[in-house]
N, C-alpha and C. Protein backbone atom coordinates (compact mmCIF):
# COMPACT_ATOMS: atom_id res chain seq x y z
N MET A 1 0.82 -1.18 0.00
CA MET A 1 0.01 0.02 -0.03
C MET A 1 0.88 1.26 -0.01
N LYS A 2 1.97 1.22 0.64
CA LYS A 2 2.83 2.40 0.71
C LYS A 2 3.39 2.74 -0.64
N ILE A 3 3.67 1.71 -1.50
CA ILE A 3 4.16 1.98 -2.81
C ILE A 3 3.16 2.85 -3.60
N TYR A 4 1.90 2.53 -3.54
CA TYR A 4 0.91 3.21 -4.34
C TYR A 4 0.74 4.69 -3.96
N ARG A 5 0.93 4.96 -2.66
CA ARG A 5 0.86 6.34 -2.14
C ARG A 5 1.99 7.22 -2.72
N LYS A 6 3.15 6.59 -2.91
CA LYS A 6 4.31 7.33 -3.39
C LYS A 6 4.32 7.55 -4.90
N LEU A 7 3.51 6.79 -5.65
CA LEU A 7 3.56 6.93 -7.11
C LEU A 7 3.25 8.30 -7.61
N PRO A 8 2.26 9.04 -7.13
CA PRO A 8 2.00 10.38 -7.60
C PRO A 8 3.19 11.26 -7.41
N ILE A 9 3.96 11.13 -6.29
CA ILE A 9 5.14 11.93 -6.09
C ILE A 9 6.18 11.66 -7.12
N TYR A 10 6.45 10.32 -7.47
CA TYR A 10 7.40 9.92 -8.44
C TYR A 10 6.97 10.46 -9.83
N ALA A 11 5.69 10.40 -10.15
CA ALA A 11 5.23 10.89 -11.41
C ALA A 11 5.42 12.38 -11.55
N LEU A 12 5.14 13.12 -10.44
CA LEU A 12 5.39 14.52 -10.50
C LEU A 12 6.87 14.92 -10.64
N SER A 13 7.71 14.21 -10.00
CA SER A 13 9.13 14.44 -10.09
C SER A 13 9.63 14.18 -11.48
N ALA A 14 9.10 13.11 -12.06
CA ALA A 14 9.55 12.71 -13.48
C ALA A 14 9.08 13.80 -14.49
N ALA A 15 7.87 14.31 -14.25
CA ALA A 15 7.34 15.35 -15.16
C ALA A 15 8.11 16.56 -15.06
N LEU A 16 8.48 17.00 -13.86
CA LEU A 16 9.27 18.24 -13.66
C LEU A 16 10.66 18.09 -14.25
N PHE A 17 11.29 16.88 -14.14
CA PHE A 17 12.57 16.66 -14.72
C PHE A 17 12.53 16.73 -16.28
N ALA A 18 11.42 16.17 -16.80
CA ALA A 18 11.30 16.17 -18.29
C ALA A 18 11.12 17.56 -18.75
N PHE A 19 10.30 18.42 -18.05
CA PHE A 19 10.07 19.81 -18.46
C PHE A 19 11.40 20.59 -18.37
N ALA A 20 12.17 20.43 -17.30
CA ALA A 20 13.46 21.06 -17.15
C ALA A 20 14.40 20.70 -18.27
N SER A 21 14.41 19.43 -18.65
CA SER A 21 15.27 18.93 -19.68
C SER A 21 14.92 19.59 -21.05
N CYS A 22 13.66 19.68 -21.33
CA CYS A 22 13.18 20.32 -22.61
C CYS A 22 13.59 21.80 -22.67
N GLU A 23 13.46 22.42 -21.45
CA GLU A 23 13.82 23.83 -21.43
C GLU A 23 15.23 24.08 -21.68
N SER A 24 16.14 23.27 -21.17
CA SER A 24 17.55 23.49 -21.28
C SER A 24 18.04 23.20 -22.71
N ASP A 25 17.28 22.40 -23.48
CA ASP A 25 17.67 22.08 -24.84
C ASP A 25 17.32 23.19 -25.80
N ASP A 26 16.46 24.17 -25.42
CA ASP A 26 16.08 25.20 -26.36
C ASP A 26 17.24 26.08 -26.63
N PRO A 27 17.51 26.37 -27.95
CA PRO A 27 18.65 27.27 -28.28
C PRO A 27 18.42 28.69 -27.81
N VAL A 28 19.50 29.33 -27.40
CA VAL A 28 19.42 30.71 -26.98
C VAL A 28 19.87 31.55 -28.22
N VAL A 29 19.00 32.44 -28.61
CA VAL A 29 19.31 33.29 -29.82
C VAL A 29 20.08 34.50 -29.30
N GLU A 30 21.24 34.72 -29.84
CA GLU A 30 22.00 35.86 -29.49
C GLU A 30 22.40 36.67 -30.70
N ASN A 31 22.42 37.96 -30.58
CA ASN A 31 22.82 38.87 -31.68
C ASN A 31 23.78 39.82 -31.09
N ASP A 32 25.11 39.60 -31.29
CA ASP A 32 26.16 40.43 -30.87
C ASP A 32 26.34 41.69 -31.72
N GLY A 33 25.70 41.78 -32.91
CA GLY A 33 25.94 42.92 -33.75
C GLY A 33 25.17 44.12 -33.22
N GLU A 34 25.60 45.28 -33.69
CA GLU A 34 24.91 46.48 -33.30
C GLU A 34 23.59 46.65 -34.12
N VAL A 35 22.63 47.28 -33.44
CA VAL A 35 21.38 47.65 -34.15
C VAL A 35 21.57 49.03 -34.54
N ILE A 36 21.56 49.30 -35.85
CA ILE A 36 21.75 50.62 -36.38
C ILE A 36 20.51 51.04 -37.18
N THR A 37 19.87 52.12 -36.76
CA THR A 37 18.65 52.57 -37.51
C THR A 37 18.93 53.77 -38.42
N ASP A 38 20.05 54.46 -38.14
CA ASP A 38 20.35 55.69 -38.92
C ASP A 38 21.84 55.86 -39.21
N VAL A 39 22.23 56.20 -40.37
CA VAL A 39 23.56 56.52 -40.79
C VAL A 39 23.60 57.86 -41.47
N ASN A 40 24.45 58.73 -40.92
CA ASN A 40 24.64 60.06 -41.56
C ASN A 40 26.06 60.16 -42.13
N LEU A 41 26.13 60.53 -43.42
CA LEU A 41 27.37 60.73 -44.04
C LEU A 41 27.50 62.26 -44.31
N THR A 42 28.51 62.85 -43.71
CA THR A 42 28.71 64.31 -43.86
C THR A 42 30.00 64.53 -44.69
N PHE A 43 29.82 65.18 -45.87
CA PHE A 43 30.90 65.49 -46.75
C PHE A 43 31.21 66.98 -46.67
N THR A 44 32.43 67.29 -46.28
CA THR A 44 32.86 68.70 -46.16
C THR A 44 33.99 68.95 -47.15
N GLU A 45 33.77 69.85 -48.10
CA GLU A 45 34.75 70.16 -49.16
C GLU A 45 36.06 70.68 -48.53
N LEU A 46 37.19 70.15 -49.06
CA LEU A 46 38.48 70.63 -48.60
C LEU A 46 39.21 71.43 -49.66
N ASP A 47 39.90 72.47 -49.34
CA ASP A 47 40.64 73.23 -50.33
C ASP A 47 41.99 72.51 -50.55
N GLU A 48 42.86 73.09 -51.36
CA GLU A 48 44.12 72.46 -51.75
C GLU A 48 45.01 72.30 -50.55
N SER A 49 44.84 73.07 -49.49
CA SER A 49 45.60 72.92 -48.29
C SER A 49 44.97 72.01 -47.24
N GLY A 50 43.87 71.43 -47.61
CA GLY A 50 43.14 70.54 -46.68
C GLY A 50 42.26 71.18 -45.68
N ASN A 51 41.96 72.45 -45.88
CA ASN A 51 41.08 73.17 -44.96
C ASN A 51 39.63 73.07 -45.43
N PRO A 52 38.71 72.92 -44.47
CA PRO A 52 37.28 72.78 -44.85
C PRO A 52 36.79 74.15 -45.39
N VAL A 53 35.94 74.03 -46.46
CA VAL A 53 35.37 75.22 -47.00
C VAL A 53 33.89 74.91 -47.37
N GLY A 54 33.09 75.99 -47.48
CA GLY A 54 31.69 75.72 -47.93
C GLY A 54 30.82 75.12 -46.78
N THR A 55 29.60 74.78 -47.25
CA THR A 55 28.63 74.17 -46.38
C THR A 55 28.69 72.62 -46.46
N PRO A 56 28.76 71.93 -45.32
CA PRO A 56 28.80 70.45 -45.36
C PRO A 56 27.51 69.88 -46.00
N LEU A 57 27.69 68.79 -46.68
CA LEU A 57 26.56 68.07 -47.31
C LEU A 57 26.30 66.82 -46.43
N VAL A 58 25.01 66.67 -46.07
CA VAL A 58 24.70 65.47 -45.20
C VAL A 58 23.71 64.56 -45.93
N PHE A 59 24.02 63.32 -45.96
CA PHE A 59 23.14 62.28 -46.60
C PHE A 59 22.87 61.20 -45.60
N ASN A 60 21.63 60.66 -45.64
CA ASN A 60 21.19 59.74 -44.65
C ASN A 60 20.59 58.43 -45.14
N ALA A 61 20.81 57.40 -44.40
CA ALA A 61 20.02 56.17 -44.63
C ALA A 61 19.39 55.75 -43.34
N SER A 62 18.16 55.31 -43.38
CA SER A 62 17.47 54.99 -42.14
C SER A 62 16.44 53.90 -42.31
N ASP A 63 16.20 53.21 -41.20
CA ASP A 63 15.09 52.27 -41.13
C ASP A 63 14.73 52.17 -39.61
N ALA A 64 13.53 52.46 -39.23
CA ALA A 64 13.14 52.53 -37.85
C ALA A 64 13.34 51.18 -37.07
N GLU A 65 13.28 50.08 -37.84
CA GLU A 65 13.46 48.75 -37.20
C GLU A 65 14.95 48.36 -37.17
N GLY A 66 15.77 49.00 -37.80
CA GLY A 66 17.15 48.62 -37.91
C GLY A 66 17.47 48.35 -39.36
N ILE A 67 18.58 48.88 -39.89
CA ILE A 67 18.87 48.88 -41.30
C ILE A 67 19.10 47.44 -41.74
N GLU A 68 19.65 46.57 -40.93
CA GLU A 68 19.98 45.21 -41.27
C GLU A 68 18.78 44.24 -41.18
N VAL A 69 17.73 44.66 -40.47
CA VAL A 69 16.60 43.77 -40.15
C VAL A 69 15.23 44.30 -40.66
N GLY A 70 15.19 45.60 -40.84
CA GLY A 70 13.89 46.17 -41.21
C GLY A 70 13.58 46.06 -42.71
N ASN A 71 12.42 46.53 -43.10
CA ASN A 71 11.95 46.40 -44.44
C ASN A 71 11.56 47.78 -45.04
N ALA A 72 11.93 48.83 -44.31
CA ALA A 72 11.52 50.23 -44.82
C ALA A 72 12.77 51.09 -44.91
N LEU A 73 13.81 50.62 -45.52
CA LEU A 73 15.09 51.37 -45.64
C LEU A 73 14.85 52.52 -46.63
N THR A 74 15.28 53.70 -46.23
CA THR A 74 15.35 54.86 -47.14
C THR A 74 16.75 55.36 -47.22
N THR A 75 17.19 55.78 -48.38
CA THR A 75 18.53 56.31 -48.55
C THR A 75 18.46 57.54 -49.44
N ASP A 76 19.21 58.52 -49.03
CA ASP A 76 19.38 59.74 -49.88
C ASP A 76 20.30 59.37 -51.04
N ASP A 77 20.11 60.17 -52.10
CA ASP A 77 21.14 60.16 -53.18
C ASP A 77 22.33 60.97 -52.75
N ILE A 78 23.52 60.42 -52.82
CA ILE A 78 24.68 61.23 -52.55
C ILE A 78 25.09 62.01 -53.82
N GLU A 79 25.18 63.33 -53.69
CA GLU A 79 25.57 64.17 -54.86
C GLU A 79 26.84 64.86 -54.50
N LEU A 80 27.87 64.59 -55.36
CA LEU A 80 29.18 65.19 -55.19
C LEU A 80 29.65 65.85 -56.47
N ASP A 81 30.58 66.79 -56.35
CA ASP A 81 31.10 67.53 -57.50
C ASP A 81 32.38 66.85 -58.04
N ARG A 82 32.51 66.71 -59.32
CA ARG A 82 33.73 66.22 -59.91
C ARG A 82 34.90 67.06 -59.59
N GLY A 83 36.09 66.38 -59.52
CA GLY A 83 37.31 67.15 -59.24
C GLY A 83 37.44 67.73 -57.87
N THR A 84 36.64 67.23 -56.93
CA THR A 84 36.59 67.84 -55.54
C THR A 84 37.03 66.85 -54.48
N THR A 85 37.66 67.33 -53.49
CA THR A 85 38.06 66.47 -52.37
C THR A 85 37.25 66.89 -51.12
N TYR A 86 36.74 65.84 -50.43
CA TYR A 86 35.92 66.04 -49.30
C TYR A 86 36.45 65.28 -48.07
N ARG A 87 36.19 65.88 -46.91
CA ARG A 87 36.34 65.03 -45.66
C ARG A 87 35.02 64.37 -45.42
N LEU A 88 35.04 63.07 -45.14
CA LEU A 88 33.86 62.34 -44.86
C LEU A 88 33.78 61.91 -43.40
N ASP A 89 32.73 62.34 -42.73
CA ASP A 89 32.51 61.94 -41.34
C ASP A 89 31.30 61.06 -41.29
N ILE A 90 31.39 59.92 -40.59
CA ILE A 90 30.27 58.98 -40.56
C ILE A 90 29.74 58.96 -39.11
N GLU A 91 28.43 59.10 -38.94
CA GLU A 91 27.76 58.87 -37.63
C GLU A 91 26.71 57.76 -37.73
N VAL A 92 26.64 56.92 -36.79
CA VAL A 92 25.65 55.89 -36.82
C VAL A 92 24.86 55.89 -35.43
N PHE A 93 23.56 55.64 -35.50
CA PHE A 93 22.73 55.74 -34.34
C PHE A 93 21.80 54.52 -34.24
N ASN A 94 21.36 54.29 -33.03
CA ASN A 94 20.29 53.31 -32.74
C ASN A 94 19.15 54.14 -32.09
N SER A 95 18.23 54.56 -32.87
CA SER A 95 17.10 55.41 -32.35
C SER A 95 16.17 54.62 -31.45
N ILE A 96 16.16 53.28 -31.63
CA ILE A 96 15.30 52.41 -30.76
C ILE A 96 15.73 52.57 -29.29
N GLU A 97 17.08 52.55 -29.11
CA GLU A 97 17.55 52.65 -27.69
C GLU A 97 18.16 54.04 -27.38
N ASN A 98 17.98 54.93 -28.39
CA ASN A 98 18.57 56.29 -28.20
C ASN A 98 20.08 56.25 -27.87
N GLU A 99 20.77 55.51 -28.69
CA GLU A 99 22.24 55.35 -28.58
C GLU A 99 23.01 55.92 -29.74
N ASP A 100 24.11 56.53 -29.41
CA ASP A 100 25.06 56.96 -30.48
C ASP A 100 26.10 55.81 -30.61
N ILE A 101 25.92 55.03 -31.66
CA ILE A 101 26.77 53.88 -31.91
C ILE A 101 28.18 54.35 -32.30
N THR A 102 28.31 55.56 -32.83
CA THR A 102 29.59 56.02 -33.26
C THR A 102 30.55 56.01 -32.06
N GLU A 103 30.10 56.42 -30.89
CA GLU A 103 30.94 56.48 -29.67
C GLU A 103 31.43 55.04 -29.33
N GLU A 104 30.53 54.07 -29.45
CA GLU A 104 30.94 52.69 -29.16
C GLU A 104 31.97 52.21 -30.19
N ILE A 105 31.83 52.59 -31.44
CA ILE A 105 32.77 52.21 -32.44
C ILE A 105 34.15 52.79 -32.12
N LEU A 106 34.17 54.04 -31.71
CA LEU A 106 35.47 54.60 -31.37
C LEU A 106 36.06 54.02 -30.11
N GLU A 107 35.25 53.65 -29.15
CA GLU A 107 35.73 53.02 -27.91
C GLU A 107 36.30 51.60 -28.25
N GLU A 108 35.72 50.89 -29.23
CA GLU A 108 36.18 49.60 -29.59
C GLU A 108 36.81 49.68 -30.97
N ALA A 109 37.72 50.58 -31.14
CA ALA A 109 38.27 50.88 -32.45
C ALA A 109 39.03 49.70 -33.05
N ASP A 110 39.63 48.82 -32.16
CA ASP A 110 40.36 47.68 -32.66
C ASP A 110 39.44 46.57 -33.15
N GLU A 111 38.14 46.71 -32.97
CA GLU A 111 37.14 45.65 -33.36
C GLU A 111 36.26 46.11 -34.53
N HIS A 112 36.34 47.37 -34.99
CA HIS A 112 35.46 47.87 -35.99
C HIS A 112 36.20 48.48 -37.17
N GLN A 113 35.63 48.35 -38.30
CA GLN A 113 36.22 48.99 -39.51
C GLN A 113 35.15 49.15 -40.65
N PHE A 114 35.11 50.36 -41.22
CA PHE A 114 34.31 50.58 -42.38
C PHE A 114 35.07 50.25 -43.66
N TYR A 115 34.28 49.70 -44.62
CA TYR A 115 34.78 49.48 -45.96
C TYR A 115 33.94 50.20 -46.98
N PHE A 116 34.53 50.70 -48.05
CA PHE A 116 33.95 51.58 -49.02
C PHE A 116 34.03 50.80 -50.42
N LEU A 117 32.83 50.36 -50.84
CA LEU A 117 32.84 49.45 -51.93
C LEU A 117 31.81 49.87 -52.95
N GLY A 118 31.40 48.95 -53.90
CA GLY A 118 30.45 49.29 -54.95
C GLY A 118 31.19 49.96 -56.11
N SER A 119 30.48 50.26 -57.16
CA SER A 119 31.10 50.83 -58.39
C SER A 119 31.63 52.21 -58.19
N ALA A 120 31.29 52.85 -57.05
CA ALA A 120 31.93 54.18 -56.73
C ALA A 120 33.38 54.06 -56.39
N PHE A 121 33.77 52.90 -55.89
CA PHE A 121 35.19 52.76 -55.38
C PHE A 121 35.96 51.64 -56.05
N GLU A 122 35.20 50.62 -56.57
CA GLU A 122 35.96 49.43 -57.08
C GLU A 122 36.11 49.49 -58.58
N GLY A 123 37.22 48.99 -59.08
CA GLY A 123 37.43 48.97 -60.54
C GLY A 123 38.30 50.11 -60.96
N THR A 124 38.95 49.93 -62.13
CA THR A 124 39.91 50.92 -62.64
C THR A 124 39.20 52.26 -63.01
N SER A 125 37.94 52.18 -63.30
CA SER A 125 37.25 53.41 -63.69
C SER A 125 36.35 53.98 -62.57
N ALA A 126 36.58 53.55 -61.36
CA ALA A 126 35.78 54.04 -60.23
C ALA A 126 36.02 55.56 -60.06
N PRO A 127 34.99 56.27 -59.88
CA PRO A 127 35.09 57.74 -59.75
C PRO A 127 35.58 58.26 -58.42
N LEU A 128 35.50 57.44 -57.39
CA LEU A 128 35.95 57.93 -56.07
C LEU A 128 37.16 57.14 -55.54
N THR A 129 37.94 57.85 -54.72
CA THR A 129 38.98 57.16 -53.96
C THR A 129 38.79 57.59 -52.54
N TYR A 130 39.18 56.67 -51.56
CA TYR A 130 39.02 56.92 -50.16
C TYR A 130 40.32 56.57 -49.40
N VAL A 131 40.64 57.49 -48.43
CA VAL A 131 41.79 57.27 -47.52
C VAL A 131 41.31 57.44 -46.12
N TYR A 132 41.63 56.43 -45.18
CA TYR A 132 41.35 56.53 -43.82
C TYR A 132 42.03 57.80 -43.24
N ASP A 133 41.35 58.53 -42.39
CA ASP A 133 42.02 59.72 -41.75
C ASP A 133 41.41 59.91 -40.28
N ASP A 134 41.25 58.79 -39.61
CA ASP A 134 40.72 58.82 -38.25
C ASP A 134 41.64 59.53 -37.34
N GLU A 135 41.08 60.33 -36.41
CA GLU A 135 41.85 61.20 -35.51
C GLU A 135 42.71 60.35 -34.63
N SER A 136 42.35 59.16 -34.28
CA SER A 136 43.10 58.29 -33.39
C SER A 136 44.28 57.62 -34.17
N GLY A 137 44.27 57.66 -35.46
CA GLY A 137 45.29 56.96 -36.22
C GLY A 137 44.93 55.50 -36.48
N GLU A 138 43.95 54.97 -35.79
CA GLU A 138 43.47 53.63 -36.04
C GLU A 138 42.64 53.61 -37.31
N LEU A 139 42.75 52.53 -38.06
CA LEU A 139 41.95 52.38 -39.32
C LEU A 139 40.54 52.01 -38.99
N ILE A 140 39.61 52.93 -38.97
CA ILE A 140 38.25 52.71 -38.59
C ILE A 140 37.30 53.17 -39.78
N GLY A 141 37.46 54.44 -40.24
CA GLY A 141 36.62 54.98 -41.28
C GLY A 141 35.55 55.90 -40.73
N VAL A 142 35.59 56.21 -39.45
CA VAL A 142 34.64 57.25 -38.94
C VAL A 142 34.88 58.55 -39.59
N ARG A 143 36.21 58.75 -39.93
CA ARG A 143 36.66 59.99 -40.63
C ARG A 143 37.60 59.57 -41.73
N GLY A 144 37.45 60.15 -42.90
CA GLY A 144 38.36 59.87 -44.02
C GLY A 144 38.28 60.96 -45.07
N VAL A 145 38.99 60.77 -46.12
CA VAL A 145 39.09 61.70 -47.20
C VAL A 145 38.63 61.07 -48.51
N VAL A 146 37.62 61.58 -49.17
CA VAL A 146 37.09 61.10 -50.44
C VAL A 146 37.45 62.12 -51.55
N THR A 147 38.03 61.58 -52.64
CA THR A 147 38.40 62.48 -53.77
C THR A 147 37.54 61.97 -54.97
N VAL A 148 36.95 62.96 -55.65
CA VAL A 148 36.14 62.64 -56.82
C VAL A 148 36.95 62.90 -58.06
N SER A 149 37.00 61.98 -58.97
CA SER A 149 37.73 62.15 -60.19
C SER A 149 37.35 63.42 -60.99
N ALA A 150 38.21 64.10 -61.59
CA ALA A 150 37.91 65.32 -62.35
C ALA A 150 37.26 64.91 -63.68
N SER A 151 37.50 63.74 -64.14
CA SER A 151 36.84 63.28 -65.40
C SER A 151 36.42 61.80 -65.20
N PRO A 152 35.38 61.69 -64.44
CA PRO A 152 34.84 60.29 -64.20
C PRO A 152 34.26 59.64 -65.45
N GLY A 153 34.45 58.35 -65.55
CA GLY A 153 33.93 57.65 -66.76
C GLY A 153 32.40 57.56 -66.79
N PHE A 154 31.73 57.80 -65.62
CA PHE A 154 30.29 57.76 -65.61
C PHE A 154 29.84 58.70 -64.45
N ASN A 155 28.57 59.16 -64.56
CA ASN A 155 28.05 60.12 -63.61
C ASN A 155 27.26 59.54 -62.43
N THR A 156 26.93 58.21 -62.50
CA THR A 156 26.22 57.55 -61.47
C THR A 156 26.92 56.28 -61.08
N ALA A 157 26.78 55.94 -59.81
CA ALA A 157 27.41 54.71 -59.28
C ALA A 157 26.76 54.30 -58.02
N ASN A 158 27.10 53.14 -57.49
CA ASN A 158 26.63 52.63 -56.18
C ASN A 158 27.75 52.85 -55.12
N PHE A 159 27.39 53.55 -54.04
CA PHE A 159 28.21 53.82 -52.94
C PHE A 159 27.84 52.87 -51.84
N ARG A 160 28.62 51.75 -51.71
CA ARG A 160 28.31 50.71 -50.70
C ARG A 160 29.16 50.91 -49.48
N LEU A 161 28.54 50.99 -48.32
CA LEU A 161 29.21 51.20 -47.05
C LEU A 161 28.97 50.01 -46.15
N VAL A 162 30.08 49.32 -45.73
CA VAL A 162 30.05 48.17 -44.86
C VAL A 162 30.79 48.40 -43.56
N LEU A 163 30.17 48.10 -42.45
CA LEU A 163 30.81 48.17 -41.15
C LEU A 163 31.00 46.72 -40.63
N ARG A 164 32.30 46.41 -40.43
CA ARG A 164 32.59 45.07 -39.83
C ARG A 164 32.96 45.17 -38.41
N HIS A 165 32.55 44.09 -37.71
CA HIS A 165 32.71 44.01 -36.26
C HIS A 165 33.49 42.74 -35.91
N ASP A 166 34.50 42.87 -35.08
CA ASP A 166 35.33 41.69 -34.59
C ASP A 166 36.08 41.01 -35.71
N LEU A 167 36.60 41.79 -36.61
CA LEU A 167 37.43 41.28 -37.74
C LEU A 167 38.89 41.19 -37.30
N ASP A 168 39.69 40.48 -38.06
CA ASP A 168 41.14 40.46 -37.84
C ASP A 168 41.74 41.49 -38.72
N LYS A 169 42.12 42.62 -38.12
CA LYS A 169 42.61 43.78 -38.84
C LYS A 169 43.99 43.49 -39.43
N ASN A 170 44.69 42.43 -39.02
CA ASN A 170 45.99 42.08 -39.50
C ASN A 170 45.90 41.18 -40.69
N PHE A 171 44.67 40.75 -41.07
CA PHE A 171 44.51 39.87 -42.25
C PHE A 171 44.97 40.60 -43.49
N PRO A 172 45.73 39.92 -44.38
CA PRO A 172 46.23 40.59 -45.57
C PRO A 172 45.14 41.22 -46.41
N GLY A 173 45.25 42.54 -46.62
CA GLY A 173 44.24 43.26 -47.41
C GLY A 173 43.25 43.96 -46.59
N ALA A 174 43.12 43.57 -45.27
CA ALA A 174 42.10 44.16 -44.45
C ALA A 174 42.28 45.64 -44.16
N SER A 175 43.47 46.13 -44.31
CA SER A 175 43.82 47.56 -44.08
C SER A 175 43.38 48.38 -45.24
N GLU A 176 42.98 47.84 -46.36
CA GLU A 176 42.56 48.59 -47.54
C GLU A 176 41.12 49.00 -47.45
N PRO A 177 40.79 50.24 -47.64
CA PRO A 177 39.31 50.69 -47.48
C PRO A 177 38.42 50.02 -48.55
N ASN A 178 38.99 49.59 -49.62
CA ASN A 178 38.16 49.00 -50.69
C ASN A 178 38.33 47.47 -50.80
N PHE A 179 38.56 46.82 -49.66
CA PHE A 179 38.82 45.37 -49.59
C PHE A 179 37.53 44.62 -49.86
N ALA A 180 37.35 44.19 -51.12
CA ALA A 180 36.10 43.56 -51.53
C ALA A 180 35.89 42.19 -50.81
N ASN A 181 37.02 41.56 -50.45
CA ASN A 181 36.94 40.23 -49.76
C ASN A 181 37.00 40.38 -48.28
N PHE A 182 36.33 41.37 -47.75
CA PHE A 182 36.38 41.69 -46.27
C PHE A 182 35.92 40.50 -45.44
N THR A 183 35.05 39.65 -45.97
CA THR A 183 34.54 38.51 -45.19
C THR A 183 35.67 37.59 -44.77
N GLN A 184 36.73 37.51 -45.58
CA GLN A 184 37.84 36.66 -45.30
C GLN A 184 38.57 37.02 -44.05
N ALA A 185 38.46 38.27 -43.59
CA ALA A 185 39.09 38.74 -42.42
C ALA A 185 38.28 38.38 -41.15
N GLY A 186 37.20 37.67 -41.34
CA GLY A 186 36.36 37.25 -40.20
C GLY A 186 35.45 38.31 -39.72
N GLY A 187 34.88 38.06 -38.54
CA GLY A 187 33.88 39.01 -37.98
C GLY A 187 32.53 38.93 -38.66
N GLU A 188 31.74 39.96 -38.40
CA GLU A 188 30.41 40.02 -39.00
C GLU A 188 30.04 41.47 -39.29
N SER A 189 29.05 41.67 -40.16
CA SER A 189 28.69 42.99 -40.62
C SER A 189 27.64 43.59 -39.64
N ASP A 190 27.90 44.72 -39.09
CA ASP A 190 26.90 45.50 -38.35
C ASP A 190 26.05 46.34 -39.26
N LEU A 191 26.65 46.64 -40.45
CA LEU A 191 25.98 47.48 -41.43
C LEU A 191 26.38 47.16 -42.81
N ASP A 192 25.50 47.15 -43.79
CA ASP A 192 25.81 46.96 -45.20
C ASP A 192 24.71 47.66 -45.99
N VAL A 193 25.00 48.92 -46.37
CA VAL A 193 24.01 49.72 -47.00
C VAL A 193 24.60 50.35 -48.26
N THR A 194 23.72 50.52 -49.31
CA THR A 194 24.20 51.10 -50.59
C THR A 194 23.42 52.34 -50.85
N PHE A 195 24.17 53.44 -51.12
CA PHE A 195 23.57 54.76 -51.50
C PHE A 195 23.76 54.94 -53.05
N PRO A 196 22.76 55.47 -53.75
CA PRO A 196 22.97 55.89 -55.07
C PRO A 196 23.90 57.16 -55.06
N LEU A 197 24.90 57.13 -55.96
CA LEU A 197 25.84 58.30 -56.13
C LEU A 197 25.61 59.00 -57.44
N ILE A 198 25.57 60.33 -57.31
CA ILE A 198 25.41 61.15 -58.55
C ILE A 198 26.59 62.10 -58.53
N ILE A 199 27.29 62.17 -59.64
CA ILE A 199 28.46 63.10 -59.75
C ILE A 199 28.06 64.24 -60.67
N ASN A 200 28.11 65.49 -60.16
CA ASN A 200 27.79 66.65 -60.93
C ASN A 200 28.98 67.23 -61.62
């Protein structure tokens, strides 16, 4: 008779163990990448001595859900003048959490790097060239210099901007701003967005 009285306790224990086992087997989804909802590209014209002149030009890409995950991406057309050199400053934000991601990129400079790709930068007839010019001296791309060809082969192109996180910066080629094989350096993309480029 005592055995029958203990059966409900054993059954309950077994059920709780089975439930706990199922729970521990569920995969935990993690996303270590940054959520970026807004990117601002500010182009400031430089004179022959490298001094800023004129009014800065600001172009934006945004998606309220996050540029990498949302479905409502909007991008401005980048309009630049031929034969002109610009300082390019990049700012990135997470408006969902009200965070300035640029500050985090600078704090973790050894883990982040922008690449400048697309027909605007790649190929022998690419109309733009880019040189890293970050204030810290680290190759990041938060600040750089863009030069527009005086006689570009075409007036429109794709300006692709990629932000890599946790890459191997010592990988051969990774120090080049137009490194098309950036995935070979490891890490993952926090941002990969393409702007239409128009050259006046």
